[in-house]
Amino acid sequence: MTGVKSSNNQWSRVYTINNPESVIEVFVDADHNTVKESKSLNYNRYKEYTYSIKEYLSRYAHHAAGKALLRLINASHA
């Protein structure tokens, strides 16, 4: 994965979670300080959630996706 910097509302994939009945993909748009979580569920269902980076980290910093986002952000500031 490349750095967290993006432009023109480009989403960079941060992490993918493969569950038995769903796939969750986490994307970040650093220009707009936004995280998008896309959930592909069984029976052709799909849900999408949008958070600010700060809100996402406050909820999920202890999960693998939150840790991957933190690493990406820290790497872009180095």
Foldseek 3Di string as FASTA:
>chain_A
DDAQADPPPDWDWQDWDDDPFKIWTWTDHVVVQKIKIWIQGPPRDIDIDMDRLVVCCVVDCVPPSVVSVVVRNVVNVD
